[in-house]
Amino acid sequence: MRRIGLVVNPIAGMGGRVGLKGTDNKVEEARRRGADPRSPSRARAALEHLGEQPTEVDLYTYGGEMGEDEAVAAGFSPTVVGHPDGEETSAADTREAVRRLLEADIDLLLFVGGDGTAVDVAETLADAGTEVPILGVPGGVKVYSSVFAVTPRAAGRIAATFDRTETREVNDIDEDAYRGGDVTTELKALAEVPVGDEIQSSKQIGGGTVEALAEAVAGDILDDEVRTTPSSRAGRDAAGSGGATYVLGPGSTVDAVKTELGFNGSPLGVDVWRDGDVVAADASESDILDHLGERNVVVVSPIGGQGFIFGRGNDQISPAVIRRSEIEVIASKQKLDDIGVLRVDTGDPRLDERLRGWQRVRVGKFERRLLKVV
């Protein structure tokens, strides 16, 4: 019998699809923009897969939307060790939940959220002087730490089957600086984490020049507009008129493309380009959908050290956007050598399955390489 503790940060990830790049101090703004909670559904996906494993599990959790609701929905009859103080949960609730779960003598603490939640969990364990292993179900916008499974389903599988642990990093960034385009990770804690092939690496920042690649990609975008766009701008106000709509994702590689196109992009956000203009800057999911036309191209680059092309830091490029678009993946050769494979975690299992397989990745003006999406 494996005793597993579960804590869910129900507001983690709400800021992603509405373009806030996180939820720290932005919960009400996310709700005003129409954000829906992301963590509960990802918690259920992890728990449903956990329940399918042959290992017997005794599940302990916190009350309401911090774990109890998701556990019951996934078919478990959990032991509830406490309840949050108010309707709006906080980091203090997460830390108290961890303390209560430790009293239940758990073998693993499974948490759902992002890097901020990971910090709350790891620091509470350190304060308690325990090395109970932890495993993150990715539910936040920022997932830089190496304590997360690559998908919710992978988390459920690993939680049931792991037989050893290793020390890994918990990192976080300043979300206000992140929204302003400044990304600096800071090591916050170390934690014991199950060993498994489906544990993600820490995100690597930077790494190599991409100027030539960016110039080639931008040149092709501009050439495409020359081929397809009428010389006159009259009558081109409707989405889809003229050339293709380009959805330009976050990250330094795609930001270099934006620079080559002649505008200061949102380095950590999504910008939409059509007919020589930025039609939506730092766009949310709804902004992107409003501007999609007859032909749409999503341009993304995998995260260094992890390989994710969807589901980490670009939730605005949602399943609804992806289904209506062509996908152009660009990366330096060095980055591809470092990551080995590409990964997706869109939150839609059917779409993830459709995206898996061999993907052409542009690495130069003419050169492309095949890399597998796993």
Protein backbone atom coordinates (compact mmCIF):
# COMPACT_ATOMS: atom_id res chain seq x y z
CA MET A 1 0.00 0.00 0.00
CA ARG A 2 1.44 3.37 -1.02
CA ARG A 3 0.37 6.38 1.04
CA ILE A 4 0.14 9.44 -1.21
CA GLY A 5 -0.64 12.98 -0.14
CA LEU A 6 -2.28 15.35 -2.62
CA VAL A 7 -2.46 19.14 -2.57
CA VAL A 8 -3.92 21.22 -5.41
CA ASN A 9 -3.35 24.92 -5.97
CA PRO A 10 -6.72 25.62 -7.60
CA ILE A 11 -5.75 29.00 -9.07
CA ALA A 12 -2.41 27.96 -10.61
CA GLY A 13 -2.22 28.46 -14.37
CA MET A 14 -5.27 30.71 -14.64
CA GLY A 15 -3.23 33.55 -16.11
CA GLY A 16 -1.80 31.57 -19.01
CA ARG A 17 -4.46 31.61 -21.70
CA VAL A 18 -5.49 35.18 -20.93
CA GLY A 19 -1.93 36.43 -21.44
CA LEU A 20 -0.92 37.21 -17.84
CA LYS A 21 2.06 34.79 -17.80
CA GLY A 22 1.23 33.74 -14.27
CA THR A 23 -1.27 34.17 -11.47
CA ASP A 24 0.84 35.66 -8.65
CA ASN A 25 -1.13 38.71 -7.43
CA LYS A 26 -3.23 38.54 -10.61
CA VAL A 27 -6.12 36.23 -9.73
CA GLU A 28 -8.85 38.86 -9.96
CA GLU A 29 -7.41 40.24 -13.19
CA ALA A 30 -7.34 36.71 -14.64
CA ARG A 31 -10.98 36.23 -13.71
CA ARG A 32 -11.94 39.58 -15.25
CA ARG A 33 -10.34 38.38 -18.47
CA GLY A 34 -12.44 35.22 -18.39
CA ALA A 35 -9.82 32.77 -17.13
CA ASP A 36 -10.92 29.32 -16.02
CA PRO A 37 -9.11 27.24 -13.37
CA ARG A 38 -6.62 24.86 -14.98
CA SER A 39 -5.23 22.86 -12.09
CA PRO A 40 -8.40 20.93 -11.12
CA SER A 41 -8.72 19.19 -14.50
CA ARG A 42 -5.02 18.37 -14.54
CA ALA A 43 -5.27 16.97 -11.02
CA ARG A 44 -8.14 14.72 -12.11
CA ALA A 45 -6.17 13.50 -15.13
CA ALA A 46 -3.23 12.55 -12.91
CA LEU A 47 -5.46 10.83 -10.36
CA GLU A 48 -7.43 8.91 -12.97
CA HIS A 49 -4.21 7.49 -14.36
CA LEU A 50 -2.98 6.80 -10.82
CA GLY A 51 -6.13 4.80 -10.21
CA GLU A 52 -5.47 2.68 -13.31
CA GLN A 53 -2.12 1.45 -11.97
CA PRO A 54 -1.83 -1.94 -10.18
CA THR A 55 -0.36 -0.36 -7.04
CA GLU A 56 -2.78 -0.01 -4.12
CA VAL A 57 -3.01 3.61 -3.03
CA ASP A 58 -4.20 5.18 0.20
CA LEU A 59 -4.89 8.82 -0.71
CA TYR A 60 -4.74 11.73 1.74
CA THR A 61 -5.66 15.26 0.74
CA TYR A 62 -6.89 18.69 1.76
CA GLY A 63 -10.52 19.74 1.65
CA GLY A 64 -12.59 21.16 -1.19
CA GLU A 65 -10.89 22.35 -4.34
CA MET A 66 -7.45 21.82 -2.81
CA GLY A 67 -7.69 18.10 -3.50
CA GLU A 68 -10.83 16.51 -2.08
CA ASP A 69 -13.11 17.51 -4.98
CA GLU A 70 -10.67 16.30 -7.63
CA ALA A 71 -9.98 13.03 -5.80
CA VAL A 72 -13.66 12.18 -5.48
CA ALA A 73 -14.26 13.07 -9.13
CA ALA A 74 -11.45 10.65 -10.08
CA GLY A 75 -13.04 7.79 -8.14
CA PHE A 76 -11.06 7.90 -4.88
CA SER A 77 -12.37 7.97 -1.32
CA PRO A 78 -9.64 10.11 0.22
CA THR A 79 -8.85 10.85 3.83
CA VAL A 80 -9.27 14.62 4.27
CA VAL A 81 -6.74 16.05 6.73
CA GLY A 82 -8.04 19.64 6.87
CA HIS A 83 -9.75 22.46 5.05
CA PRO A 84 -8.69 25.90 3.77
CA ASP A 85 -9.70 28.85 5.92
CA GLY A 86 -11.68 30.83 3.36
CA GLU A 87 -13.17 30.75 -0.10
CA GLU A 88 -10.01 32.17 -1.71
CA THR A 89 -7.05 29.85 -1.21
CA SER A 90 -3.52 31.14 -0.65
CA ALA A 91 0.10 30.05 -0.31
CA ALA A 92 -0.52 29.83 3.43
CA ASP A 93 -3.22 27.22 2.77
CA THR A 94 -0.81 25.22 0.63
CA ARG A 95 1.82 25.24 3.35
CA GLU A 96 -0.69 24.25 6.03
CA ALA A 97 -1.98 21.44 3.81
CA VAL A 98 1.57 20.10 3.41
CA ARG A 99 2.11 20.18 7.18
CA ARG A 100 -1.13 18.25 7.78
CA LEU A 101 -0.27 15.69 5.09
CA LEU A 102 3.14 15.07 6.63
CA GLU A 103 1.38 14.14 9.87
CA ALA A 104 -0.32 11.32 7.92
CA ASP A 105 3.09 9.68 7.34
CA ILE A 106 2.81 9.79 3.54
CA ASP A 107 5.29 8.15 1.16
CA LEU A 108 4.96 10.81 -1.55
CA LEU A 109 3.52 14.31 -1.77
CA LEU A 110 1.83 14.88 -5.12
CA PHE A 111 1.12 18.56 -5.79
CA VAL A 112 -0.61 20.36 -8.66
CA GLY A 113 0.50 23.85 -9.63
CA GLY A 114 3.51 25.72 -10.95
CA ASP A 115 6.87 26.84 -9.64
CA GLY A 116 5.35 29.00 -6.90
CA THR A 117 3.49 25.98 -5.54
CA ALA A 118 6.66 23.90 -5.80
CA VAL A 119 8.49 26.48 -3.68
CA ASP A 120 5.74 26.47 -1.03
CA VAL A 121 5.83 22.66 -0.87
CA ALA A 122 9.62 22.29 -0.81
CA GLU A 123 10.20 25.04 1.75
CA THR A 124 7.55 23.57 4.06
CA LEU A 125 9.24 20.17 3.85
CA ALA A 126 12.61 21.77 4.62
CA ASP A 127 11.16 23.59 7.63
CA ALA A 128 9.79 20.27 8.87
CA GLY A 129 13.20 18.62 8.46
CA THR A 130 11.84 15.80 6.30
CA GLU A 131 12.91 14.34 2.96
CA VAL A 132 9.53 12.98 1.90
CA PRO A 133 9.70 12.92 -1.92
CA ILE A 134 7.55 15.27 -3.96
CA LEU A 135 6.22 15.14 -7.51
CA GLY A 136 4.62 18.01 -9.40
CA VAL A 137 1.67 17.76 -11.76
CA PRO A 138 2.27 20.67 -14.16
CA GLY A 139 -0.61 23.08 -13.68
CA GLY A 140 1.02 26.51 -13.67
CA VAL A 141 2.19 28.89 -16.35
CA LYS A 142 5.80 28.86 -15.16
CA VAL A 143 7.24 25.36 -14.84
CA TYR A 144 10.99 25.88 -14.62
CA SER A 145 11.73 23.40 -11.82
CA SER A 146 12.89 19.83 -12.33
CA VAL A 147 10.40 18.35 -9.86
CA PHE A 148 7.50 18.02 -12.34
CA ALA A 149 6.36 15.12 -14.47
CA VAL A 150 6.13 15.97 -18.15
CA THR A 151 2.32 15.49 -18.20
CA PRO A 152 -0.44 14.85 -15.64
CA ARG A 153 -0.83 11.25 -16.83
CA ALA A 154 2.90 10.69 -16.42
CA ALA A 155 2.64 12.03 -12.87
CA GLY A 156 -0.04 9.46 -12.01
CA ARG A 157 2.04 6.64 -13.44
CA ILE A 158 5.25 7.69 -11.71
CA ALA A 159 3.52 8.21 -8.35
CA ALA A 160 2.35 4.60 -8.39
CA THR A 161 5.47 2.90 -9.73
CA PHE A 162 8.64 4.73 -8.61
CA ASP A 163 11.15 2.80 -6.52
CA ARG A 164 13.91 5.36 -5.89
CA THR A 165 14.43 9.10 -5.66
CA GLU A 166 17.06 11.69 -6.46
CA THR A 167 17.73 15.29 -5.44
CA ARG A 168 16.40 17.90 -7.87
CA GLU A 169 16.06 21.68 -8.10
CA VAL A 170 13.09 23.90 -7.29
CA ASN A 171 13.43 27.18 -9.20
CA ASP A 172 11.24 30.24 -9.50
CA ILE A 173 11.26 33.67 -11.11
CA ASP A 174 9.81 37.08 -10.29
CA GLU A 175 6.50 37.14 -12.20
CA ASP A 176 6.39 40.95 -12.37
CA ALA A 177 9.84 40.98 -13.99
CA TYR A 178 8.77 38.05 -16.17
CA ARG A 179 5.80 40.02 -17.48
CA GLY A 180 8.22 42.81 -18.35
CA GLY A 181 10.44 40.47 -20.36
CA ASP A 182 13.17 39.77 -17.77
CA VAL A 183 13.73 36.09 -17.03
CA THR A 184 16.15 35.14 -14.28
CA THR A 185 15.65 31.88 -12.46
CA GLU A 186 16.61 31.54 -8.82
CA LEU A 187 17.30 28.29 -7.00
CA LYS A 188 14.80 28.23 -4.14
CA ALA A 189 15.16 24.72 -2.71
CA LEU A 190 16.25 21.15 -3.26
CA ALA A 191 13.85 18.23 -2.97
CA GLU A 192 13.78 14.47 -3.32
CA VAL A 193 11.89 13.47 -6.47
CA PRO A 194 11.03 10.05 -7.94
CA VAL A 195 13.43 8.85 -10.61
CA GLY A 196 11.74 8.37 -13.99
CA ASP A 197 12.14 9.01 -17.70
CA GLU A 198 9.12 11.31 -17.67
CA ILE A 199 10.43 13.85 -15.17
CA GLN A 200 11.21 17.16 -16.86
CA SER A 201 14.56 18.93 -16.67
CA SER A 202 15.11 22.42 -15.37
CA LYS A 203 14.59 25.00 -18.08
CA GLN A 204 17.80 26.37 -19.53
CA ILE A 205 17.91 30.10 -20.30
CA GLY A 206 19.65 31.38 -23.38
CA GLY A 207 22.16 29.35 -25.31
CA GLY A 208 23.57 30.33 -28.66
CA THR A 209 22.98 32.76 -31.49
CA VAL A 210 19.91 32.41 -33.69
CA GLU A 211 20.31 35.51 -35.86
CA ALA A 212 20.73 33.64 -39.15
CA LEU A 213 17.77 31.39 -38.43
CA ALA A 214 15.59 34.35 -37.42
CA GLU A 215 16.55 36.26 -40.56
CA ALA A 216 15.58 33.30 -42.74
CA VAL A 217 12.23 32.75 -41.01
CA ALA A 218 11.34 36.44 -41.11
CA GLY A 219 12.37 36.61 -44.76
CA ASP A 220 10.03 33.78 -45.64
CA ILE A 221 7.16 35.45 -43.77
CA LEU A 222 7.72 38.69 -45.66
CA ASP A 223 8.07 36.83 -48.98
CA ASP A 224 4.80 35.03 -48.26
CA GLU A 225 3.08 38.40 -47.81
CA VAL A 226 4.49 39.70 -51.09
CA ARG A 227 3.12 36.63 -52.90
CA THR A 228 -0.33 36.70 -51.34
CA THR A 229 -1.10 40.26 -50.25
CA PRO A 230 -2.69 42.80 -52.62
CA SER A 231 -0.66 45.98 -53.13
CA SER A 232 -3.51 48.05 -51.77
CA ARG A 233 -4.62 47.87 -48.12
CA ALA A 234 -8.19 48.70 -49.05
CA GLY A 235 -10.64 46.08 -47.92
CA ARG A 236 -8.11 44.16 -45.83
CA ASP A 237 -9.56 44.85 -42.41
CA ALA A 238 -11.25 41.47 -42.07
CA ALA A 239 -9.29 38.65 -40.46
CA GLY A 240 -7.84 36.33 -43.04
CA SER A 241 -7.67 38.84 -45.89
CA GLY A 242 -4.31 39.27 -47.56
CA GLY A 243 -1.57 36.91 -46.38
CA ALA A 244 -1.43 34.32 -43.66
CA THR A 245 -1.87 35.15 -39.99
CA TYR A 246 1.30 34.36 -38.02
CA VAL A 247 1.03 33.53 -34.34
CA LEU A 248 4.52 34.17 -32.97
CA GLY A 249 5.19 32.44 -29.69
CA PRO A 250 7.37 33.43 -26.73
CA GLY A 251 11.07 32.85 -26.19
CA SER A 252 14.35 34.32 -27.38
CA THR A 253 14.44 32.42 -30.67
CA VAL A 254 11.04 33.59 -31.89
CA ASP A 255 11.69 37.03 -30.41
CA ALA A 256 14.65 37.28 -32.79
CA VAL A 257 12.21 36.64 -35.66
CA LYS A 258 10.01 39.47 -34.38
CA THR A 259 13.03 41.77 -34.38
CA GLU A 260 13.84 40.80 -37.96
CA LEU A 261 10.25 41.62 -38.91
CA GLY A 262 10.88 45.11 -37.60
CA PHE A 263 9.01 45.33 -34.31
CA ASN A 264 9.73 45.00 -30.61
CA GLY A 265 7.82 41.89 -29.72
CA SER A 266 6.68 40.50 -26.40
CA PRO A 267 9.62 38.20 -25.64
CA LEU A 268 7.62 36.21 -23.12
CA GLY A 269 4.24 36.67 -24.78
CA VAL A 270 2.49 35.84 -28.03
CA ASP A 271 2.22 38.38 -30.84
CA VAL A 272 -0.01 38.08 -33.91
CA TRP A 273 1.28 39.38 -37.26
CA ARG A 274 -0.60 39.79 -40.51
CA ASP A 275 -0.10 41.85 -43.67
CA GLY A 276 2.98 43.64 -42.37
CA ASP A 277 1.44 44.67 -39.05
CA VAL A 278 1.21 43.48 -35.46
CA VAL A 279 -2.53 43.00 -35.08
CA ALA A 280 -2.35 41.74 -31.47
CA ALA A 281 0.55 42.28 -29.06
CA ASP A 282 1.05 40.12 -25.97
CA ALA A 283 -2.15 38.37 -27.01
CA SER A 284 -4.43 36.19 -24.93
CA GLU A 285 -6.13 33.09 -26.31
CA SER A 286 -9.26 35.07 -27.19
CA ASP A 287 -7.18 37.77 -28.90
CA ILE A 288 -5.51 35.14 -31.07
CA LEU A 289 -8.77 33.43 -31.97
CA ASP A 290 -10.29 36.79 -32.91
CA HIS A 291 -7.51 37.37 -35.46
CA LEU A 292 -7.20 33.93 -37.05
CA GLY A 293 -8.04 33.80 -40.74
CA GLU A 294 -8.23 31.30 -43.56
CA ARG A 295 -4.56 30.34 -43.23
CA ASN A 296 -2.74 30.53 -39.92
CA VAL A 297 0.81 29.60 -38.95
CA VAL A 298 1.97 29.15 -35.35
CA VAL A 299 5.71 29.70 -34.96
CA VAL A 300 7.23 28.24 -31.79
CA SER A 301 10.61 27.14 -30.49
CA PRO A 302 11.16 24.33 -27.96
CA ILE A 303 12.13 25.24 -24.43
CA GLY A 304 15.82 24.67 -23.87
CA GLY A 305 16.57 21.71 -21.62
CA GLN A 306 12.97 20.47 -21.72
CA GLY A 307 11.84 20.29 -25.34
CA PHE A 308 8.27 21.51 -24.82
CA ILE A 309 6.74 23.25 -27.83
CA PHE A 310 3.27 23.56 -26.30
CA GLY A 311 2.09 23.60 -22.69
CA ARG A 312 4.90 25.53 -21.00
CA GLY A 313 4.78 29.31 -21.00
CA ASN A 314 2.57 29.54 -24.10
CA ASP A 315 -0.89 28.47 -22.94
CA GLN A 316 -2.33 31.33 -25.00
CA ILE A 317 -1.63 29.07 -28.00
CA SER A 318 -4.46 26.82 -26.91
CA PRO A 319 -5.84 23.64 -28.49
CA ALA A 320 -8.45 25.78 -30.27
CA VAL A 321 -5.66 27.85 -31.85
CA ILE A 322 -3.49 24.85 -32.71
CA ARG A 323 -6.32 23.01 -34.46
CA ARG A 324 -6.80 25.92 -36.86
CA SER A 325 -3.12 26.42 -37.65
CA GLU A 326 -0.06 25.06 -39.35
CA ILE A 327 2.83 24.48 -36.96
CA GLU A 328 6.33 25.83 -37.67
CA VAL A 329 8.96 24.75 -35.12
CA ILE A 330 12.29 26.58 -35.22
CA ALA A 331 15.44 26.02 -33.16
CA SER A 332 19.20 26.17 -33.27
CA LYS A 333 21.05 22.93 -33.95
CA GLN A 334 22.67 23.14 -30.54
CA LYS A 335 19.31 23.35 -28.80
CA LEU A 336 18.04 20.28 -30.65
CA ASP A 337 21.18 18.34 -29.76
CA ASP A 338 20.67 19.23 -26.11
CA ILE A 339 16.98 18.29 -25.85
CA GLY A 340 16.87 15.18 -28.07
CA VAL A 341 13.05 15.06 -28.29
CA LEU A 342 10.11 17.45 -28.43
CA ARG A 343 7.23 17.38 -25.95
CA VAL A 344 3.64 18.62 -25.84
CA ASP A 345 1.23 19.07 -22.94
CA THR A 346 -1.68 21.10 -24.30
CA GLY A 347 -4.23 19.87 -21.77
CA ASP A 348 -6.10 18.04 -24.55
CA PRO A 349 -4.98 14.37 -24.66
CA ARG A 350 -6.43 13.79 -28.14
CA LEU A 351 -4.59 16.76 -29.56
CA ASP A 352 -1.37 15.72 -27.80
CA GLU A 353 -1.67 12.30 -29.42
CA ARG A 354 -2.25 13.87 -32.82
CA LEU A 355 0.84 16.05 -32.43
CA ARG A 356 3.08 13.14 -31.43
CA GLY A 357 5.35 11.61 -34.03
CA TRP A 358 7.99 13.11 -36.29
CA GLN A 359 8.11 16.90 -36.57
CA ARG A 360 10.20 18.94 -39.00
CA VAL A 361 12.21 21.57 -37.17
CA ARG A 362 13.77 24.43 -39.07
CA VAL A 363 17.40 24.99 -38.05
CA GLY A 364 18.64 27.28 -40.87
CA LYS A 365 17.78 29.07 -44.08
CA PHE A 366 17.17 25.85 -45.96
CA GLU A 367 17.98 23.07 -43.50
CA ARG A 368 15.41 21.17 -41.49
CA ARG A 369 15.78 18.26 -39.09
CA LEU A 370 13.32 15.64 -37.98
CA LEU A 371 12.76 15.34 -34.25
CA LYS A 372 10.23 13.14 -32.52
CA VAL A 373 7.40 14.56 -30.44
CA VAL A 374 6.91 12.18 -27.51
